[in-house]
C-alpha atoms as a PDB file:
ATOM      1  CA  UNK A   1     -28.143  -1.394  60.296  1.00  0.00           C
ATOM      2  CA  UNK A   2     -26.828   1.058  57.669  1.00  0.00           C
ATOM      3  CA  UNK A   3     -24.390  -0.363  55.108  1.00  0.00           C
ATOM      4  CA  UNK A   4     -20.913   1.038  54.516  1.00  0.00           C
ATOM      5  CA  UNK A   5     -20.854   3.946  52.042  1.00  0.00           C
ATOM      6  CA  UNK A   6     -18.418   2.447  49.541  1.00  0.00           C
ATOM      7  CA  UNK A   7     -18.822   5.386  47.151  1.00  0.00           C
ATOM      8  CA  UNK A   8     -17.757   7.919  49.756  1.00  0.00           C
ATOM      9  CA  UNK A   9     -14.806   5.706  50.702  1.00  0.00           C
ATOM     10  CA  UNK A  10     -13.817   5.430  47.038  1.00  0.00           C
ATOM     11  CA  UNK A  11     -14.073   9.137  46.215  1.00  0.00           C
ATOM     12  CA  UNK A  12     -12.086  10.131  49.309  1.00  0.00           C
ATOM     13  CA  UNK A  13      -9.351   7.706  48.249  1.00  0.00           C
ATOM     14  CA  UNK A  14      -9.388   8.938  44.628  1.00  0.00           C
ATOM     15  CA  UNK A  15      -9.178  12.575  45.687  1.00  0.00           C
ATOM     16  CA  UNK A  16      -6.573  11.887  48.366  1.00  0.00           C
ATOM     17  CA  UNK A  17      -8.766  13.503  51.023  1.00  0.00           C
ATOM     18  CA  UNK A  18      -8.446  12.024  54.532  1.00  0.00           C
ATOM     19  CA  UNK A  19     -11.618  11.830  56.675  1.00  0.00           C
ATOM     20  CA  UNK A  20     -10.110  14.329  59.100  1.00  0.00           C
ATOM     21  CA  UNK A  21      -9.754  16.906  56.329  1.00  0.00           C
ATOM     22  CA  UNK A  22     -13.357  16.370  55.247  1.00  0.00           C
ATOM     23  CA  UNK A  23     -14.476  16.833  58.837  1.00  0.00           C
ATOM     24  CA  UNK A  24     -12.652  20.162  58.966  1.00  0.00           C
ATOM     25  CA  UNK A  25     -14.263  21.330  55.727  1.00  0.00           C
ATOM     26  CA  UNK A  26     -17.728  20.401  56.997  1.00  0.00           C
ATOM     27  CA  UNK A  27     -16.986  21.738  60.495  1.00  0.00           C
ATOM     28  CA  UNK A  28     -17.945  18.480  62.187  1.00  0.00           C
ATOM     29  CA  UNK A  29     -16.213  16.017  64.493  1.00  0.00           C
ATOM     30  CA  UNK A  30     -14.095  13.373  62.668  1.00  0.00           C
ATOM     31  CA  UNK A  31     -16.277  10.746  64.342  1.00  0.00           C
ATOM     32  CA  UNK A  32     -19.229  12.171  62.425  1.00  0.00           C
ATOM     33  CA  UNK A  33     -17.441  11.571  59.133  1.00  0.00           C
ATOM     34  CA  UNK A  34     -16.722   8.059  60.348  1.00  0.00           C
ATOM     35  CA  UNK A  35     -20.441   7.524  60.814  1.00  0.00           C
ATOM     36  CA  UNK A  36     -21.070   8.810  57.270  1.00  0.00           C
ATOM     37  CA  UNK A  37     -18.524   6.318  55.966  1.00  0.00           C
ATOM     38  CA  UNK A  38     -20.347   3.674  57.968  1.00  0.00           C
ATOM     39  CA  UNK A  39     -23.537   4.429  56.099  1.00  0.00           C
ATOM     40  CA  UNK A  40     -25.310   7.134  58.071  1.00  0.00           C
ATOM     41  CA  UNK A  41     -27.052   9.790  55.954  1.00  0.00           C
ATOM     42  CA  UNK A  42     -25.609  13.279  56.662  1.00  0.00           C
ATOM     43  CA  UNK A  43     -27.683  16.392  57.156  1.00  0.00           C
ATOM     44  CA  UNK A  44     -28.585  18.024  53.768  1.00  0.00           C
ATOM     45  CA  UNK A  45     -26.178  20.926  54.296  1.00  0.00           C
ATOM     46  CA  UNK A  46     -23.362  18.484  54.981  1.00  0.00           C
ATOM     47  CA  UNK A  47     -24.230  16.366  51.939  1.00  0.00           C
ATOM     48  CA  UNK A  48     -24.006  19.502  49.814  1.00  0.00           C
ATOM     49  CA  UNK A  49     -20.636  20.572  51.250  1.00  0.00           C
ATOM     50  CA  UNK A  50     -19.164  17.087  50.885  1.00  0.00           C
ATOM     51  CA  UNK A  51     -20.269  16.802  47.244  1.00  0.00           C
ATOM     52  CA  UNK A  52     -19.016  20.301  46.460  1.00  0.00           C
ATOM     53  CA  UNK A  53     -15.628  19.709  48.111  1.00  0.00           C
ATOM     54  CA  UNK A  54     -15.141  16.326  46.428  1.00  0.00           C
ATOM     55  CA  UNK A  55     -16.427  17.617  43.064  1.00  0.00           C
ATOM     56  CA  UNK A  56     -19.016  14.892  42.567  1.00  0.00           C
ATOM     57  CA  UNK A  57     -22.787  14.853  42.334  1.00  0.00           C
ATOM     58  CA  UNK A  58     -24.545  14.543  45.665  1.00  0.00           C
ATOM     59  CA  UNK A  59     -26.855  11.852  44.317  1.00  0.00           C
ATOM     60  CA  UNK A  60     -23.803   9.749  43.407  1.00  0.00           C
ATOM     61  CA  UNK A  61     -22.627   9.620  47.022  1.00  0.00           C
ATOM     62  CA  UNK A  62     -26.138   9.177  48.384  1.00  0.00           C
ATOM     63  CA  UNK A  63     -28.305   7.621  45.616  1.00  0.00           C
ATOM     64  CA  UNK A  64     -31.473   7.695  47.706  1.00  0.00           C
ATOM     65  CA  UNK A  65     -31.522  11.125  49.409  1.00  0.00           C
ATOM     66  CA  UNK A  66     -34.504  12.126  51.498  1.00  0.00           C
ATOM     67  CA  UNK A  67     -37.064  13.826  49.215  1.00  0.00           C
ATOM     68  CA  UNK A  68     -37.820  17.487  49.762  1.00  0.00           C
ATOM     69  CA  UNK A  69     -41.533  17.725  50.451  1.00  0.00           C
ATOM     70  CA  UNK A  70     -43.752  20.712  49.843  1.00  0.00           C
ATOM     71  CA  UNK A  71     -46.929  21.670  51.646  1.00  0.00           C
ATOM     72  CA  UNK A  72     -49.960  19.452  50.960  1.00  0.00           C
ATOM     73  CA  UNK A  73     -51.750  20.559  47.812  1.00  0.00           C
ATOM     74  CA  UNK A  74     -48.820  22.671  46.603  1.00  0.00           C
ATOM     75  CA  UNK A  75     -48.491  20.566  43.427  1.00  0.00           C
ATOM     76  CA  UNK A  76     -44.857  19.720  44.106  1.00  0.00           C
ATOM     77  CA  UNK A  77     -44.772  16.442  42.166  1.00  0.00           C
ATOM     78  CA  UNK A  78     -41.104  17.204  41.646  1.00  0.00           C
ATOM     79  CA  UNK A  79     -38.060  16.073  43.580  1.00  0.00           C
ATOM     80  CA  UNK A  80     -35.531  18.759  44.468  1.00  0.00           C
ATOM     81  CA  UNK A  81     -32.334  16.786  43.961  1.00  0.00           C
ATOM     82  CA  UNK A  82     -30.011  19.602  44.988  1.00  0.00           C
ATOM     83  CA  UNK A  83     -29.400  23.333  45.103  1.00  0.00           C
ATOM     84  CA  UNK A  84     -26.265  25.294  44.264  1.00  0.00           C
ATOM     85  CA  UNK A  85     -25.417  28.882  45.324  1.00  0.00           C
ATOM     86  CA  UNK A  86     -24.254  29.715  41.790  1.00  0.00           C
ATOM     87  CA  UNK A  87     -23.758  27.999  38.454  1.00  0.00           C
ATOM     88  CA  UNK A  88     -20.038  27.481  38.966  1.00  0.00           C
ATOM     89  CA  UNK A  89     -20.871  25.324  41.997  1.00  0.00           C
ATOM     90  CA  UNK A  90     -22.527  22.691  39.815  1.00  0.00           C
ATOM     91  CA  UNK A  91     -19.847  19.999  39.371  1.00  0.00           C
ATOM     92  CA  UNK A  92     -18.604  19.586  35.808  1.00  0.00           C
ATOM     93  CA  UNK A  93     -19.224  15.853  36.202  1.00  0.00           C
ATOM     94  CA  UNK A  94     -22.921  16.595  36.749  1.00  0.00           C
ATOM     95  CA  UNK A  95     -23.279  18.481  33.466  1.00  0.00           C
ATOM     96  CA  UNK A  96     -21.478  15.739  31.542  1.00  0.00           C
ATOM     97  CA  UNK A  97     -23.217  12.772  33.156  1.00  0.00           C
ATOM     98  CA  UNK A  98     -26.689  14.252  32.651  1.00  0.00           C
ATOM     99  CA  UNK A  99     -25.913  14.883  28.981  1.00  0.00           C
ATOM    100  CA  UNK A 100     -24.492  11.414  28.417  1.00  0.00           C
ATOM    101  CA  UNK A 101     -27.371   9.693  30.198  1.00  0.00           C
ATOM    102  CA  UNK A 102     -30.149  11.475  28.266  1.00  0.00           C
ATOM    103  CA  UNK A 103     -32.246   9.026  26.255  1.00  0.00           C
ATOM    104  CA  UNK A 104     -35.158  11.096  24.935  1.00  0.00           C
ATOM    105  CA  UNK A 105     -34.480  14.827  24.927  1.00  0.00           C
ATOM    106  CA  UNK A 106     -31.998  17.568  25.717  1.00  0.00           C
ATOM    107  CA  UNK A 107     -33.185  21.165  25.858  1.00  0.00           C
ATOM    108  CA  UNK A 108     -31.125  24.280  26.588  1.00  0.00           C
ATOM    109  CA  UNK A 109     -32.574  27.791  26.937  1.00  0.00           C
ATOM    110  CA  UNK A 110     -30.095  30.635  27.560  1.00  0.00           C
ATOM    111  CA  UNK A 111     -29.005  34.039  26.324  1.00  0.00           C
ATOM    112  CA  UNK A 112     -25.387  33.165  25.478  1.00  0.00           C
ATOM    113  CA  UNK A 113     -24.543  30.112  27.610  1.00  0.00           C
ATOM    114  CA  UNK A 114     -20.876  30.454  26.699  1.00  0.00           C
ATOM    115  CA  UNK A 115     -19.831  28.390  29.719  1.00  0.00           C
ATOM    116  CA  UNK A 116     -21.779  25.394  28.380  1.00  0.00           C
ATOM    117  CA  UNK A 117     -19.204  24.868  25.649  1.00  0.00           C
ATOM    118  CA  UNK A 118     -16.149  26.396  27.316  1.00  0.00           C
ATOM    119  CA  UNK A 119     -16.430  24.004  30.264  1.00  0.00           C
ATOM    120  CA  UNK A 120     -16.749  21.067  27.855  1.00  0.00           C
ATOM    121  CA  UNK A 121     -14.931  21.607  24.523  1.00  0.00           C
ATOM    122  CA  UNK A 122     -16.471  18.388  23.146  1.00  0.00           C
ATOM    123  CA  UNK A 123     -20.064  19.387  23.879  1.00  0.00           C
ATOM    124  CA  UNK A 124     -21.080  19.661  20.203  1.00  0.00           C
ATOM    125  CA  UNK A 125     -19.706  16.212  19.439  1.00  0.00           C
ATOM    126  CA  UNK A 126     -21.407  14.763  22.502  1.00  0.00           C
ATOM    127  CA  UNK A 127     -24.728  16.367  21.563  1.00  0.00           C
ATOM    128  CA  UNK A 128     -24.406  14.996  18.032  1.00  0.00           C
ATOM    129  CA  UNK A 129     -23.768  11.524  19.455  1.00  0.00           C
ATOM    130  CA  UNK A 130     -26.870  11.734  21.622  1.00  0.00           C
ATOM    131  CA  UNK A 131     -28.889  12.869  18.594  1.00  0.00           C
ATOM    132  CA  UNK A 132     -27.561   9.919  16.588  1.00  0.00           C
ATOM    133  CA  UNK A 133     -28.802   7.686  19.408  1.00  0.00           C
ATOM    134  CA  UNK A 134     -32.313   9.068  19.007  1.00  0.00           C
ATOM    135  CA  UNK A 135     -32.258  11.942  21.507  1.00  0.00           C
ATOM    136  CA  UNK A 136     -34.033  15.130  20.425  1.00  0.00           C
ATOM    137  CA  UNK A 137     -31.564  17.998  20.928  1.00  0.00           C
ATOM    138  CA  UNK A 138     -32.897  21.572  21.048  1.00  0.00           C
ATOM    139  CA  UNK A 139     -30.708  24.583  21.829  1.00  0.00           C
ATOM    140  CA  UNK A 140     -32.222  28.061  22.124  1.00  0.00           C
ATOM    141  CA  UNK A 141     -30.007  31.152  22.384  1.00  0.00           C
ATOM    142  CA  UNK A 142     -30.781  34.852  22.548  1.00  0.00           C
ATOM    143  CA  UNK A 143     -31.147  36.711  19.269  1.00  0.00           C
ATOM    144  CA  UNK A 144     -28.072  38.972  19.172  1.00  0.00           C
ATOM    145  CA  UNK A 145     -30.056  41.534  17.157  1.00  0.00           C
ATOM    146  CA  UNK A 146     -33.121  41.419  19.388  1.00  0.00           C
ATOM    147  CA  UNK A 147     -34.454  43.869  21.952  1.00  0.00           C
ATOM    148  CA  UNK A 148     -34.325  41.356  24.813  1.00  0.00           C
ATOM    149  CA  UNK A 149     -30.547  41.003  24.475  1.00  0.00           C
ATOM    150  CA  UNK A 150     -30.047  44.771  24.348  1.00  0.00           C
ATOM    151  CA  UNK A 151     -32.147  45.242  27.491  1.00  0.00           C
ATOM    152  CA  UNK A 152     -30.464  42.385  29.344  1.00  0.00           C
ATOM    153  CA  UNK A 153     -27.004  43.715  28.497  1.00  0.00           C
ATOM    154  CA  UNK A 154     -27.890  47.152  29.861  1.00  0.00           C
ATOM    155  CA  UNK A 155     -29.354  45.655  33.028  1.00  0.00           C
ATOM    156  CA  UNK A 156     -26.148  43.696  33.655  1.00  0.00           C
ATOM    157  CA  UNK A 157     -24.084  46.808  33.020  1.00  0.00           C
ATOM    158  CA  UNK A 158     -22.143  45.295  30.134  1.00  0.00           C
ATOM    159  CA  UNK A 159     -24.143  46.768  27.263  1.00  0.00           C
ATOM    160  CA  UNK A 160     -26.185  45.040  24.594  1.00  0.00           C
ATOM    161  CA  UNK A 161     -23.285  44.929  22.144  1.00  0.00           C
ATOM    162  CA  UNK A 162     -21.160  42.928  24.566  1.00  0.00           C
ATOM    163  CA  UNK A 163     -23.869  40.369  25.265  1.00  0.00           C
ATOM    164  CA  UNK A 164     -24.616  40.127  21.537  1.00  0.00           C
ATOM    165  CA  UNK A 165     -20.934  39.405  20.852  1.00  0.00           C
ATOM    166  CA  UNK A 166     -20.952  36.710  23.525  1.00  0.00           C
ATOM    167  CA  UNK A 167     -23.950  35.057  21.902  1.00  0.00           C
ATOM    168  CA  UNK A 168     -22.259  35.041  18.493  1.00  0.00           C
ATOM    169  CA  UNK A 169     -19.134  33.586  20.091  1.00  0.00           C
ATOM    170  CA  UNK A 170     -21.140  30.870  21.797  1.00  0.00           C
ATOM    171  CA  UNK A 171     -22.930  29.906  18.597  1.00  0.00           C
ATOM    172  CA  UNK A 172     -19.642  29.166  16.826  1.00  0.00           C
ATOM    173  CA  UNK A 173     -19.274  26.047  18.979  1.00  0.00           C
ATOM    174  CA  UNK A 174     -22.523  24.638  17.617  1.00  0.00           C
ATOM    175  CA  UNK A 175     -21.991  25.094  13.871  1.00  0.00           C
ATOM    176  CA  UNK A 176     -21.458  21.313  13.381  1.00  0.00           C
ATOM    177  CA  UNK A 177     -24.918  20.606  14.803  1.00  0.00           C
ATOM    178  CA  UNK A 178     -26.744  22.444  12.017  1.00  0.00           C
ATOM    179  CA  UNK A 179     -26.200  19.520   9.668  1.00  0.00           C
ATOM    180  CA  UNK A 180     -26.987  16.841  12.247  1.00  0.00           C
ATOM    181  CA  UNK A 181     -30.365  15.115  12.122  1.00  0.00           C
ATOM    182  CA  UNK A 182     -32.178  15.433  15.435  1.00  0.00           C
ATOM    183  CA  UNK A 183     -30.428  18.698  16.396  1.00  0.00           C
ATOM    184  CA  UNK A 184     -32.087  22.103  16.202  1.00  0.00           C
ATOM    185  CA  UNK A 185     -30.730  25.528  17.122  1.00  0.00           C
ATOM    186  CA  UNK A 186     -33.014  28.544  17.427  1.00  0.00           C
ATOM    187  CA  UNK A 187     -32.769  32.196  18.467  1.00  0.00           C
ATOM    188  CA  UNK A 188     -35.282  33.836  20.807  1.00  0.00           C
ATOM    189  CA  UNK A 189     -36.135  37.460  21.527  1.00  0.00           C
ATOM    190  CA  UNK A 190     -37.929  37.126  24.837  1.00  0.00           C
ATOM    191  CA  UNK A 191     -37.445  38.258  28.422  1.00  0.00           C
ATOM    192  CA  UNK A 192     -35.642  35.321  29.993  1.00  0.00           C
ATOM    193  CA  UNK A 193     -36.308  34.865  33.694  1.00  0.00           C
ATOM    194  CA  UNK A 194     -34.510  31.520  34.008  1.00  0.00           C
ATOM    195  CA  UNK A 195     -31.844  29.664  32.050  1.00  0.00           C
ATOM    196  CA  UNK A 196     -32.930  26.046  31.600  1.00  0.00           C
ATOM    197  CA  UNK A 197     -30.995  22.844  30.956  1.00  0.00           C
ATOM    198  CA  UNK A 198     -33.205  19.793  30.525  1.00  0.00           C
ATOM    199  CA  UNK A 199     -32.050  16.186  30.246  1.00  0.00           C
ATOM    200  CA  UNK A 200     -35.098  13.895  30.094  1.00  0.00           C
ATOM    201  CA  UNK A 201     -36.641  14.064  33.577  1.00  0.00           C
ATOM    202  CA  UNK A 202     -33.747  16.058  35.074  1.00  0.00           C
ATOM    203  CA  UNK A 203     -33.744  19.828  34.815  1.00  0.00           C
ATOM    204  CA  UNK A 204     -31.261  22.445  36.015  1.00  0.00           C
ATOM    205  CA  UNK A 205     -33.042  25.770  36.488  1.00  0.00           C
ATOM    206  CA  UNK A 206     -30.834  28.863  36.812  1.00  0.00           C
ATOM    207  CA  UNK A 207     -33.090  31.790  37.914  1.00  0.00           C
ATOM    208  CA  UNK A 208     -32.004  35.306  36.954  1.00  0.00           C
ATOM    209  CA  UNK A 209     -31.616  38.068  39.526  1.00  0.00           C
ATOM    210  CA  UNK A 210     -31.960  41.553  38.074  1.00  0.00           C
ATOM    211  CA  UNK A 211     -28.639  43.172  37.215  1.00  0.00           C
ATOM    212  CA  UNK A 212     -26.569  40.033  37.773  1.00  0.00           C
ATOM    213  CA  UNK A 213     -25.173  37.602  35.197  1.00  0.00           C
ATOM    214  CA  UNK A 214     -26.824  34.179  35.183  1.00  0.00           C
ATOM    215  CA  UNK A 215     -23.556  32.601  36.344  1.00  0.00           C
ATOM    216  CA  UNK A 216     -23.797  34.436  39.691  1.00  0.00           C
ATOM    217  CA  UNK A 217     -27.296  33.134  40.445  1.00  0.00           C
ATOM    218  CA  UNK A 218     -28.506  29.923  42.139  1.00  0.00           C
ATOM    219  CA  UNK A 219     -29.235  26.654  40.368  1.00  0.00           C
ATOM    220  CA  UNK A 220     -32.007  24.186  41.248  1.00  0.00           C
ATOM    221  CA  UNK A 221     -31.639  20.556  40.201  1.00  0.00           C
ATOM    222  CA  UNK A 222     -35.187  19.247  39.704  1.00  0.00           C
ATOM    223  CA  UNK A 223     -36.310  15.741  38.862  1.00  0.00           C
ATOM    224  CA  UNK A 224     -39.797  15.065  37.530  1.00  0.00           C
ATOM    225  CA  UNK A 225     -41.647  12.619  39.749  1.00  0.00           C
ATOM    226  CA  UNK A 226     -45.267  12.544  38.619  1.00  0.00           C
ATOM    227  CA  UNK A 227     -47.807  15.009  37.315  1.00  0.00           C
ATOM    228  CA  UNK A 228     -47.609  18.792  37.302  1.00  0.00           C
ATOM    229  CA  UNK A 229     -45.221  20.763  39.465  1.00  0.00           C
ATOM    230  CA  UNK A 230     -42.120  22.941  39.268  1.00  0.00           C
ATOM    231  CA  UNK A 231     -40.531  20.698  36.654  1.00  0.00           C
ATOM    232  CA  UNK A 232     -43.507  20.884  34.308  1.00  0.00           C
ATOM    233  CA  UNK A 233     -43.886  24.644  34.728  1.00  0.00           C
ATOM    234  CA  UNK A 234     -40.280  25.207  33.713  1.00  0.00           C
ATOM    235  CA  UNK A 235     -40.558  22.639  30.913  1.00  0.00           C
ATOM    236  CA  UNK A 236     -43.623  24.404  29.540  1.00  0.00           C
ATOM    237  CA  UNK A 237     -41.847  27.760  29.605  1.00  0.00           C
ATOM    238  CA  UNK A 238     -39.142  26.212  27.429  1.00  0.00           C
ATOM    239  CA  UNK A 239     -41.771  25.023  24.967  1.00  0.00           C
ATOM    240  CA  UNK A 240     -43.415  28.461  24.831  1.00  0.00           C
ATOM    241  CA  UNK A 241     -40.129  30.250  24.087  1.00  0.00           C
ATOM    242  CA  UNK A 242     -39.087  27.581  21.612  1.00  0.00           C
ATOM    243  CA  UNK A 243     -42.331  27.910  19.683  1.00  0.00           C
ATOM    244  CA  UNK A 244     -41.749  31.618  19.073  1.00  0.00           C
ATOM    245  CA  UNK A 245     -38.013  31.348  18.360  1.00  0.00           C
ATOM    246  CA  UNK A 246     -36.603  31.307  14.816  1.00  0.00           C
ATOM    247  CA  UNK A 247     -34.162  28.777  13.359  1.00  0.00           C
ATOM    248  CA  UNK A 248     -30.499  29.821  13.367  1.00  0.00           C
ATOM    249  CA  UNK A 249     -28.469  29.576  10.177  1.00  0.00           C
ATOM    250  CA  UNK A 250     -24.815  30.320   9.491  1.00  0.00           C
ATOM    251  CA  UNK A 251     -25.785  33.286   7.340  1.00  0.00           C
ATOM    252  CA  UNK A 252     -27.048  35.023  10.496  1.00  0.00           C
ATOM    253  CA  UNK A 253     -23.630  34.983  12.178  1.00  0.00           C
ATOM    254  CA  UNK A 254     -21.748  38.202  12.782  1.00  0.00           C
ATOM    255  CA  UNK A 255     -18.307  38.931  14.099  1.00  0.00           C
ATOM    256  CA  UNK A 256     -17.510  36.649  17.028  1.00  0.00           C
ATOM    257  CA  UNK A 257     -15.856  37.451  20.311  1.00  0.00           C
ATOM    258  CA  UNK A 258     -15.281  35.102  23.185  1.00  0.00           C
ATOM    259  CA  UNK A 259     -16.818  35.778  26.563  1.00  0.00           C
ATOM    260  CA  UNK A 260     -18.377  34.140  29.605  1.00  0.00           C
ATOM    261  CA  UNK A 261     -22.023  34.217  30.695  1.00  0.00           C
END
């Protein structure tokens, strides 16, 4: 017999959301929500909507979700923890908890990634704390003077100068990290197909759709399970870009302007 879902009970109480309201959001009968509270595992689409509405990570409410399986021989030794229709749909708690729980490495690959700091004003301090605890922190931003940024800005319809200004604005948040042991910041000039956020064996991949800002595109939450697969392919792409990127120093900063990517 399934056990009572104490976490779902607790979050509903904390958020002040009655089961009937959750049922309306998920477009199901209130009795269905009652069965979820009793321990039954909801359909994946309902798990997603519940987590999104309650602003918590899906894996917190259901710690042992059914794994998403690929076709035999597809090399999918990676668990798809969750998917989000756009980056704003990823709960803030997810970003923070993944960062705080990292024990070995944190890797970020973006063009400007302004949201990464604006959604968490203490991100630099938190990254420094993880580095002090032995975590390798690597942040890779677009080179504001590079061709890739100019092309990307034109494709998004905002112009290369605007994207370059956003990158310089984003970098200002990470000045304190330049003097921290275990933290590295580099600038890349490469075509970026996916923004990547790695926390040990968890990785948030934000694919880019031509002409749209990264924030408007889907996010895949991947967890490395075994050998090669999606996770390792994305992780290797980070390593390849990182290897060709150049270290960022304060002397390379230009005029800053705040923006959102």
